[in-house]
Amino acid sequence: MDSIDRKLLAIMQRDARTSIRELADRAGASTASVQRRLKRLREDGTIVSEVAVVEPKRAGFGLTALITVELERDGPDRVAAFKRRAIAESQVQQCYCVAGDTDFVVIAILRDMEDYEAFTARFFEDPNVRHYRASIVVSRVKTGSTVPLG
């Protein structure tokens, strides 16, 4: 990845709808070169997806919960089963398998406290979940998925 690729990625992370012409102008490259580079970056998995970021509150999700999860047993099959549950659950925005005092950190969006109660009853009914602890977000200070490319 060279400096032009980094410039293109930095621009695309802020606004994936930026035109090829504008990308070329801002990166100091030709439009053909930008098209080839973007094609390569998509094909090699550097660009994973290009999405619209939706404000959760506008979609009716007023609560965010940060949840740590400790499994009863952490064998490969049990860990894989929990990962599958997290991937299948639409309200789980992020899930990290971590080392330390806990096994997973889950970030979930919820409509309200009733939805939180239903979510935890449903999601953590798994007998392999030993313990979970949730913190409700009071305010979002910083969220995002941009990768620093400087």
N, C-alpha and C. Protein backbone atom coordinates (compact mmCIF):
# COMPACT_ATOMS: atom_id res chain seq x y z
N MET A 1 0.85 -1.17 0.00
CA MET A 1 0.00 0.00 0.00
C MET A 1 0.89 1.24 0.00
N ASP A 2 0.69 2.09 -0.98
CA ASP A 2 1.52 3.29 -1.07
C ASP A 2 0.74 4.52 -0.59
N SER A 3 1.35 5.69 -0.73
CA SER A 3 0.74 6.91 -0.21
C SER A 3 -0.56 7.27 -0.94
N ILE A 4 -0.65 6.95 -2.21
CA ILE A 4 -1.90 7.24 -2.94
C ILE A 4 -3.02 6.34 -2.44
N ASP A 5 -2.72 5.06 -2.22
CA ASP A 5 -3.72 4.15 -1.65
C ASP A 5 -4.20 4.68 -0.30
N ARG A 6 -3.26 5.12 0.53
CA ARG A 6 -3.61 5.64 1.85
C ARG A 6 -4.50 6.88 1.74
N LYS A 7 -4.19 7.78 0.80
CA LYS A 7 -5.03 8.97 0.60
C LYS A 7 -6.44 8.56 0.17
N LEU A 8 -6.51 7.63 -0.78
CA LEU A 8 -7.82 7.18 -1.25
C LEU A 8 -8.64 6.57 -0.12
N LEU A 9 -7.99 5.73 0.67
CA LEU A 9 -8.69 5.08 1.78
C LEU A 9 -9.14 6.09 2.83
N ALA A 10 -8.30 7.06 3.12
CA ALA A 10 -8.67 8.09 4.10
C ALA A 10 -9.90 8.86 3.62
N ILE A 11 -9.95 9.21 2.36
CA ILE A 11 -11.10 9.93 1.80
C ILE A 11 -12.33 9.04 1.82
N MET A 12 -12.18 7.80 1.37
CA MET A 12 -13.31 6.86 1.30
C MET A 12 -13.88 6.55 2.68
N GLN A 13 -13.03 6.52 3.71
CA GLN A 13 -13.53 6.25 5.06
C GLN A 13 -14.45 7.38 5.55
N ARG A 14 -14.19 8.59 5.10
CA ARG A 14 -15.04 9.72 5.49
C ARG A 14 -16.31 9.78 4.66
N ASP A 15 -16.22 9.44 3.36
CA ASP A 15 -17.38 9.48 2.48
C ASP A 15 -17.15 8.55 1.30
N ALA A 16 -17.76 7.39 1.37
CA ALA A 16 -17.59 6.37 0.32
C ALA A 16 -18.29 6.76 -0.98
N ARG A 17 -19.07 7.83 -0.96
CA ARG A 17 -19.77 8.28 -2.17
C ARG A 17 -18.95 9.29 -2.96
N THR A 18 -17.74 9.58 -2.52
CA THR A 18 -16.88 10.53 -3.24
C THR A 18 -16.67 10.02 -4.67
N SER A 19 -16.84 10.91 -5.64
CA SER A 19 -16.72 10.51 -7.04
C SER A 19 -15.28 10.14 -7.39
N ILE A 20 -15.14 9.32 -8.39
CA ILE A 20 -13.81 8.92 -8.89
C ILE A 20 -13.01 10.17 -9.28
N ARG A 21 -13.65 11.11 -9.93
CA ARG A 21 -12.97 12.35 -10.36
C ARG A 21 -12.42 13.10 -9.14
N GLU A 22 -13.24 13.26 -8.10
CA GLU A 22 -12.78 13.97 -6.90
C GLU A 22 -11.68 13.18 -6.18
N LEU A 23 -11.84 11.87 -6.12
CA LEU A 23 -10.78 11.04 -5.51
C LEU A 23 -9.47 11.24 -6.25
N ALA A 24 -9.53 11.22 -7.57
CA ALA A 24 -8.33 11.39 -8.38
C ALA A 24 -7.70 12.75 -8.13
N ASP A 25 -8.52 13.80 -8.10
CA ASP A 25 -7.99 15.15 -7.87
C ASP A 25 -7.34 15.25 -6.49
N ARG A 26 -8.00 14.75 -5.49
CA ARG A 26 -7.50 14.88 -4.12
C ARG A 26 -6.29 13.99 -3.84
N ALA A 27 -6.20 12.86 -4.55
CA ALA A 27 -5.08 11.95 -4.32
C ALA A 27 -3.91 12.22 -5.28
N GLY A 28 -4.14 13.09 -6.26
CA GLY A 28 -3.08 13.38 -7.22
C GLY A 28 -2.81 12.23 -8.17
N ALA A 29 -3.87 11.59 -8.65
CA ALA A 29 -3.73 10.44 -9.55
C ALA A 29 -4.75 10.57 -10.68
N SER A 30 -4.60 9.75 -11.70
CA SER A 30 -5.57 9.76 -12.80
C SER A 30 -6.82 8.98 -12.39
N THR A 31 -7.92 9.25 -13.08
CA THR A 31 -9.16 8.52 -12.76
C THR A 31 -8.99 7.03 -13.05
N ALA A 32 -8.30 6.68 -14.12
CA ALA A 32 -8.07 5.26 -14.44
C ALA A 32 -7.27 4.58 -13.33
N SER A 33 -6.25 5.27 -12.84
CA SER A 33 -5.43 4.73 -11.76
C SER A 33 -6.26 4.53 -10.49
N VAL A 34 -7.11 5.50 -10.19
CA VAL A 34 -7.97 5.39 -8.99
C VAL A 34 -8.92 4.21 -9.14
N GLN A 35 -9.51 4.04 -10.30
CA GLN A 35 -10.42 2.91 -10.52
C GLN A 35 -9.70 1.58 -10.32
N ARG A 36 -8.49 1.46 -10.89
CA ARG A 36 -7.71 0.22 -10.74
C ARG A 36 -7.36 -0.02 -9.27
N ARG A 37 -6.93 1.04 -8.59
CA ARG A 37 -6.54 0.91 -7.18
C ARG A 37 -7.73 0.50 -6.31
N LEU A 38 -8.87 1.13 -6.52
CA LEU A 38 -10.06 0.77 -5.73
C LEU A 38 -10.48 -0.67 -6.00
N LYS A 39 -10.42 -1.08 -7.25
CA LYS A 39 -10.75 -2.47 -7.61
C LYS A 39 -9.82 -3.43 -6.86
N ARG A 40 -8.52 -3.14 -6.88
CA ARG A 40 -7.55 -4.00 -6.19
C ARG A 40 -7.80 -4.00 -4.67
N LEU A 41 -8.05 -2.82 -4.09
CA LEU A 41 -8.26 -2.73 -2.65
C LEU A 41 -9.53 -3.46 -2.22
N ARG A 42 -10.53 -3.50 -3.08
CA ARG A 42 -11.75 -4.26 -2.79
C ARG A 42 -11.48 -5.76 -2.92
N GLU A 43 -10.80 -6.14 -3.99
CA GLU A 43 -10.55 -7.56 -4.23
C GLU A 43 -9.61 -8.18 -3.21
N ASP A 44 -8.61 -7.40 -2.73
CA ASP A 44 -7.67 -7.99 -1.77
C ASP A 44 -8.16 -7.93 -0.32
N GLY A 45 -9.37 -7.39 -0.13
CA GLY A 45 -9.95 -7.37 1.21
C GLY A 45 -9.56 -6.18 2.07
N THR A 46 -8.81 -5.22 1.50
CA THR A 46 -8.48 -4.02 2.26
C THR A 46 -9.75 -3.20 2.51
N ILE A 47 -10.55 -3.00 1.47
CA ILE A 47 -11.87 -2.39 1.62
C ILE A 47 -12.85 -3.53 1.85
N VAL A 48 -13.37 -3.60 3.05
CA VAL A 48 -14.25 -4.70 3.42
C VAL A 48 -15.68 -4.45 2.95
N SER A 49 -16.17 -3.22 3.12
CA SER A 49 -17.52 -2.88 2.67
C SER A 49 -17.65 -1.36 2.59
N GLU A 50 -18.68 -0.93 1.90
CA GLU A 50 -18.99 0.49 1.79
C GLU A 50 -20.45 0.61 2.19
N VAL A 51 -20.70 1.27 3.33
CA VAL A 51 -22.02 1.24 3.95
C VAL A 51 -22.51 2.64 4.32
N ALA A 52 -23.81 2.73 4.57
CA ALA A 52 -24.39 3.94 5.15
C ALA A 52 -24.39 3.76 6.66
N VAL A 53 -23.94 4.75 7.39
CA VAL A 53 -23.93 4.69 8.85
C VAL A 53 -25.23 5.33 9.33
N VAL A 54 -26.02 4.56 10.07
CA VAL A 54 -27.34 4.99 10.53
C VAL A 54 -27.25 5.39 12.00
N GLU A 55 -27.82 6.52 12.34
CA GLU A 55 -27.90 6.97 13.73
C GLU A 55 -28.91 6.06 14.44
N PRO A 56 -28.47 5.28 15.46
CA PRO A 56 -29.37 4.34 16.13
C PRO A 56 -30.66 4.98 16.68
N LYS A 57 -30.55 6.16 17.28
CA LYS A 57 -31.75 6.80 17.85
C LYS A 57 -32.80 7.09 16.77
N ARG A 58 -32.34 7.48 15.57
CA ARG A 58 -33.27 7.76 14.48
C ARG A 58 -34.00 6.49 14.03
N ALA A 59 -33.40 5.34 14.29
CA ALA A 59 -34.01 4.06 13.92
C ALA A 59 -34.75 3.44 15.11
N GLY A 60 -34.88 4.19 16.20
CA GLY A 60 -35.66 3.72 17.35
C GLY A 60 -34.87 2.99 18.41
N PHE A 61 -33.54 3.03 18.33
CA PHE A 61 -32.71 2.34 19.32
C PHE A 61 -32.08 3.39 20.25
N GLY A 62 -32.74 3.65 21.36
CA GLY A 62 -32.31 4.69 22.27
C GLY A 62 -31.30 4.28 23.31
N LEU A 63 -31.05 2.99 23.44
CA LEU A 63 -30.09 2.49 24.44
C LEU A 63 -28.96 1.72 23.76
N THR A 64 -27.78 1.90 24.31
CA THR A 64 -26.64 1.07 23.93
C THR A 64 -26.12 0.43 25.20
N ALA A 65 -25.85 -0.86 25.13
CA ALA A 65 -25.32 -1.58 26.29
C ALA A 65 -23.96 -2.17 25.95
N LEU A 66 -23.03 -2.01 26.88
CA LEU A 66 -21.72 -2.65 26.78
C LEU A 66 -21.76 -3.81 27.77
N ILE A 67 -21.58 -5.02 27.26
CA ILE A 67 -21.82 -6.21 28.08
C ILE A 67 -20.59 -7.10 28.05
N THR A 68 -20.10 -7.45 29.25
CA THR A 68 -19.01 -8.42 29.33
C THR A 68 -19.64 -9.78 29.66
N VAL A 69 -19.09 -10.82 29.04
CA VAL A 69 -19.67 -12.16 29.16
C VAL A 69 -18.58 -13.14 29.58
N GLU A 70 -18.89 -13.91 30.58
CA GLU A 70 -18.00 -14.99 31.02
C GLU A 70 -18.71 -16.31 30.75
N LEU A 71 -18.05 -17.18 30.01
CA LEU A 71 -18.63 -18.48 29.70
C LEU A 71 -18.35 -19.48 30.82
N GLU A 72 -19.24 -20.45 30.94
CA GLU A 72 -19.07 -21.52 31.93
C GLU A 72 -17.84 -22.35 31.57
N ARG A 73 -17.76 -22.72 30.33
CA ARG A 73 -16.62 -23.46 29.80
C ARG A 73 -16.20 -22.78 28.50
N ASP A 74 -14.89 -22.74 28.27
CA ASP A 74 -14.43 -21.99 27.09
C ASP A 74 -13.72 -22.86 26.06
N GLY A 75 -14.19 -24.10 25.90
CA GLY A 75 -13.63 -24.96 24.86
C GLY A 75 -13.97 -24.40 23.49
N PRO A 76 -13.23 -24.84 22.47
CA PRO A 76 -13.42 -24.31 21.12
C PRO A 76 -14.87 -24.41 20.62
N ASP A 77 -15.55 -25.51 20.91
CA ASP A 77 -16.94 -25.66 20.44
C ASP A 77 -17.88 -24.70 21.16
N ARG A 78 -17.66 -24.45 22.44
CA ARG A 78 -18.51 -23.53 23.22
C ARG A 78 -18.28 -22.08 22.78
N VAL A 79 -17.02 -21.73 22.55
CA VAL A 79 -16.69 -20.39 22.08
C VAL A 79 -17.30 -20.17 20.69
N ALA A 80 -17.17 -21.15 19.82
CA ALA A 80 -17.73 -21.04 18.47
C ALA A 80 -19.25 -20.89 18.52
N ALA A 81 -19.90 -21.61 19.42
CA ALA A 81 -21.36 -21.51 19.54
C ALA A 81 -21.77 -20.11 19.98
N PHE A 82 -21.04 -19.53 20.93
CA PHE A 82 -21.37 -18.17 21.37
C PHE A 82 -21.14 -17.18 20.24
N LYS A 83 -20.06 -17.34 19.50
CA LYS A 83 -19.79 -16.45 18.37
C LYS A 83 -20.93 -16.51 17.36
N ARG A 84 -21.43 -17.71 17.08
CA ARG A 84 -22.53 -17.86 16.12
C ARG A 84 -23.78 -17.14 16.61
N ARG A 85 -24.06 -17.24 17.92
CA ARG A 85 -25.23 -16.54 18.49
C ARG A 85 -25.07 -15.03 18.33
N ALA A 86 -23.88 -14.52 18.60
CA ALA A 86 -23.64 -13.07 18.48
C ALA A 86 -23.79 -12.61 17.04
N ILE A 87 -23.25 -13.38 16.11
CA ILE A 87 -23.33 -13.02 14.70
C ILE A 87 -24.79 -13.01 14.22
N ALA A 88 -25.58 -13.95 14.71
CA ALA A 88 -26.98 -14.08 14.28
C ALA A 88 -27.89 -13.02 14.90
N GLU A 89 -27.49 -12.41 15.99
CA GLU A 89 -28.34 -11.45 16.71
C GLU A 89 -28.19 -10.06 16.11
N SER A 90 -29.25 -9.54 15.50
CA SER A 90 -29.18 -8.26 14.80
C SER A 90 -28.90 -7.07 15.73
N GLN A 91 -29.27 -7.15 16.98
CA GLN A 91 -29.05 -6.04 17.90
C GLN A 91 -27.61 -5.98 18.42
N VAL A 92 -26.84 -7.05 18.20
CA VAL A 92 -25.43 -7.03 18.57
C VAL A 92 -24.68 -6.30 17.46
N GLN A 93 -24.12 -5.15 17.80
CA GLN A 93 -23.40 -4.34 16.84
C GLN A 93 -21.95 -4.77 16.71
N GLN A 94 -21.37 -5.14 17.83
CA GLN A 94 -19.98 -5.59 17.85
C GLN A 94 -19.85 -6.68 18.90
N CYS A 95 -18.95 -7.61 18.65
CA CYS A 95 -18.67 -8.67 19.62
C CYS A 95 -17.19 -9.00 19.51
N TYR A 96 -16.52 -8.97 20.64
CA TYR A 96 -15.09 -9.23 20.69
C TYR A 96 -14.82 -10.41 21.61
N CYS A 97 -14.06 -11.37 21.13
CA CYS A 97 -13.55 -12.45 21.98
C CYS A 97 -12.26 -11.91 22.57
N VAL A 98 -12.17 -11.87 23.90
CA VAL A 98 -11.06 -11.18 24.55
C VAL A 98 -10.33 -12.11 25.54
N ALA A 99 -9.11 -11.71 25.85
CA ALA A 99 -8.33 -12.40 26.87
C ALA A 99 -8.43 -11.59 28.16
N GLY A 100 -8.38 -12.26 29.28
CA GLY A 100 -8.45 -11.55 30.56
C GLY A 100 -9.53 -12.14 31.44
N ASP A 101 -10.16 -11.26 32.23
CA ASP A 101 -11.16 -11.70 33.21
C ASP A 101 -12.48 -12.14 32.60
N THR A 102 -12.71 -11.79 31.36
CA THR A 102 -13.97 -12.11 30.70
C THR A 102 -13.66 -12.77 29.35
N ASP A 103 -14.66 -13.38 28.77
CA ASP A 103 -14.45 -14.08 27.50
C ASP A 103 -14.87 -13.25 26.28
N PHE A 104 -15.93 -12.46 26.43
CA PHE A 104 -16.45 -11.66 25.33
C PHE A 104 -16.86 -10.28 25.81
N VAL A 105 -16.78 -9.32 24.92
CA VAL A 105 -17.36 -8.01 25.13
C VAL A 105 -18.34 -7.81 23.98
N VAL A 106 -19.58 -7.49 24.33
CA VAL A 106 -20.66 -7.33 23.36
C VAL A 106 -21.18 -5.90 23.45
N ILE A 107 -21.38 -5.28 22.31
CA ILE A 107 -22.02 -3.97 22.24
C ILE A 107 -23.34 -4.18 21.51
N ALA A 108 -24.43 -3.85 22.20
CA ALA A 108 -25.76 -4.07 21.64
C ALA A 108 -26.57 -2.78 21.68
N ILE A 109 -27.42 -2.61 20.66
CA ILE A 109 -28.34 -1.49 20.66
C ILE A 109 -29.74 -2.00 20.97
N LEU A 110 -30.48 -1.21 21.75
CA LEU A 110 -31.78 -1.64 22.24
C LEU A 110 -32.75 -0.47 22.18
N ARG A 111 -34.02 -0.78 22.06
CA ARG A 111 -35.02 0.29 21.95
C ARG A 111 -35.21 1.03 23.28
N ASP A 112 -35.32 0.27 24.36
CA ASP A 112 -35.57 0.85 25.69
C ASP A 112 -35.25 -0.22 26.73
N MET A 113 -35.55 0.06 27.99
CA MET A 113 -35.22 -0.89 29.05
C MET A 113 -36.01 -2.20 28.93
N GLU A 114 -37.24 -2.11 28.45
CA GLU A 114 -38.01 -3.34 28.23
C GLU A 114 -37.34 -4.21 27.17
N ASP A 115 -36.86 -3.58 26.11
CA ASP A 115 -36.15 -4.30 25.05
C ASP A 115 -34.85 -4.89 25.60
N TYR A 116 -34.16 -4.12 26.45
CA TYR A 116 -32.93 -4.62 27.11
C TYR A 116 -33.25 -5.88 27.91
N GLU A 117 -34.32 -5.83 28.67
CA GLU A 117 -34.70 -6.99 29.50
C GLU A 117 -35.01 -8.21 28.63
N ALA A 118 -35.73 -7.99 27.54
CA ALA A 118 -36.06 -9.10 26.63
C ALA A 118 -34.81 -9.63 25.94
N PHE A 119 -33.94 -8.72 25.52
CA PHE A 119 -32.68 -9.11 24.87
C PHE A 119 -31.83 -9.97 25.80
N THR A 120 -31.61 -9.51 27.02
CA THR A 120 -30.76 -10.28 27.93
C THR A 120 -31.39 -11.62 28.29
N ALA A 121 -32.70 -11.66 28.45
CA ALA A 121 -33.37 -12.93 28.75
C ALA A 121 -33.19 -13.91 27.60
N ARG A 122 -33.29 -13.40 26.37
CA ARG A 122 -33.17 -14.25 25.18
C ARG A 122 -31.72 -14.61 24.88
N PHE A 123 -30.85 -13.63 24.87
CA PHE A 123 -29.48 -13.83 24.42
C PHE A 123 -28.63 -14.58 25.43
N PHE A 124 -28.86 -14.32 26.70
CA PHE A 124 -28.02 -14.94 27.73
C PHE A 124 -28.67 -16.13 28.41
N GLU A 125 -29.74 -16.68 27.80
CA GLU A 125 -30.36 -17.89 28.34
C GLU A 125 -29.47 -19.11 28.13
N ASP A 126 -28.46 -18.98 27.33
CA ASP A 126 -27.51 -20.05 27.02
C ASP A 126 -26.92 -20.59 28.32
N PRO A 127 -27.04 -21.90 28.58
CA PRO A 127 -26.50 -22.45 29.82
C PRO A 127 -24.97 -22.35 29.91
N ASN A 128 -24.32 -22.06 28.79
CA ASN A 128 -22.87 -21.90 28.84
C ASN A 128 -22.45 -20.49 29.28
N VAL A 129 -23.40 -19.58 29.42
CA VAL A 129 -23.08 -18.24 29.93
C VAL A 129 -23.10 -18.31 31.46
N ARG A 130 -21.92 -18.17 32.06
CA ARG A 130 -21.80 -18.21 33.51
C ARG A 130 -22.29 -16.91 34.12
N HIS A 131 -21.85 -15.82 33.49
CA HIS A 131 -22.14 -14.51 34.08
C HIS A 131 -22.04 -13.45 32.99
N TYR A 132 -22.88 -12.44 33.08
CA TYR A 132 -22.72 -11.27 32.23
C TYR A 132 -22.95 -10.02 33.06
N ARG A 133 -22.29 -8.96 32.66
CA ARG A 133 -22.42 -7.68 33.36
C ARG A 133 -22.60 -6.61 32.29
N ALA A 134 -23.64 -5.80 32.46
CA ALA A 134 -23.95 -4.77 31.46
C ALA A 134 -23.77 -3.38 32.04
N SER A 135 -23.30 -2.50 31.19
CA SER A 135 -23.26 -1.07 31.48
C SER A 135 -24.07 -0.39 30.39
N ILE A 136 -24.96 0.51 30.81
CA ILE A 136 -25.78 1.25 29.85
C ILE A 136 -25.06 2.55 29.51
N VAL A 137 -24.94 2.84 28.24
CA VAL A 137 -24.26 4.04 27.78
C VAL A 137 -25.13 5.27 28.09
N VAL A 138 -24.51 6.26 28.72
CA VAL A 138 -25.19 7.52 29.03
C VAL A 138 -25.10 8.46 27.83
N SER A 139 -23.92 8.53 27.21
CA SER A 139 -23.76 9.35 26.00
C SER A 139 -22.65 8.76 25.16
N ARG A 140 -22.82 8.90 23.85
CA ARG A 140 -21.79 8.43 22.92
C ARG A 140 -20.77 9.55 22.75
N VAL A 141 -19.56 9.29 23.15
CA VAL A 141 -18.49 10.27 23.05
C VAL A 141 -17.80 10.16 21.70
N LYS A 142 -17.48 8.95 21.30
CA LYS A 142 -16.85 8.71 20.01
C LYS A 142 -17.19 7.30 19.55
N THR A 143 -17.66 7.21 18.34
CA THR A 143 -17.89 5.91 17.72
C THR A 143 -17.33 6.00 16.32
N GLY A 144 -17.08 4.87 15.73
CA GLY A 144 -16.59 4.88 14.36
C GLY A 144 -15.81 3.63 14.05
N SER A 145 -15.42 3.55 12.81
CA SER A 145 -14.67 2.38 12.38
C SER A 145 -13.51 2.77 11.46
N THR A 146 -13.15 4.06 11.46
CA THR A 146 -12.06 4.48 10.59
C THR A 146 -10.73 4.00 11.12
N VAL A 147 -9.85 3.63 10.21
CA VAL A 147 -8.51 3.18 10.54
C VAL A 147 -7.55 4.34 10.27
N PRO A 148 -6.73 4.75 11.25
CA PRO A 148 -5.78 5.83 11.00
C PRO A 148 -4.76 5.41 9.94
N LEU A 149 -4.60 6.23 8.93
CA LEU A 149 -3.72 5.88 7.82
C LEU A 149 -2.54 6.84 7.66
N GLY A 150 -2.37 7.75 8.62
CA GLY A 150 -1.30 8.74 8.53
C GLY A 150 0.02 8.13 8.76
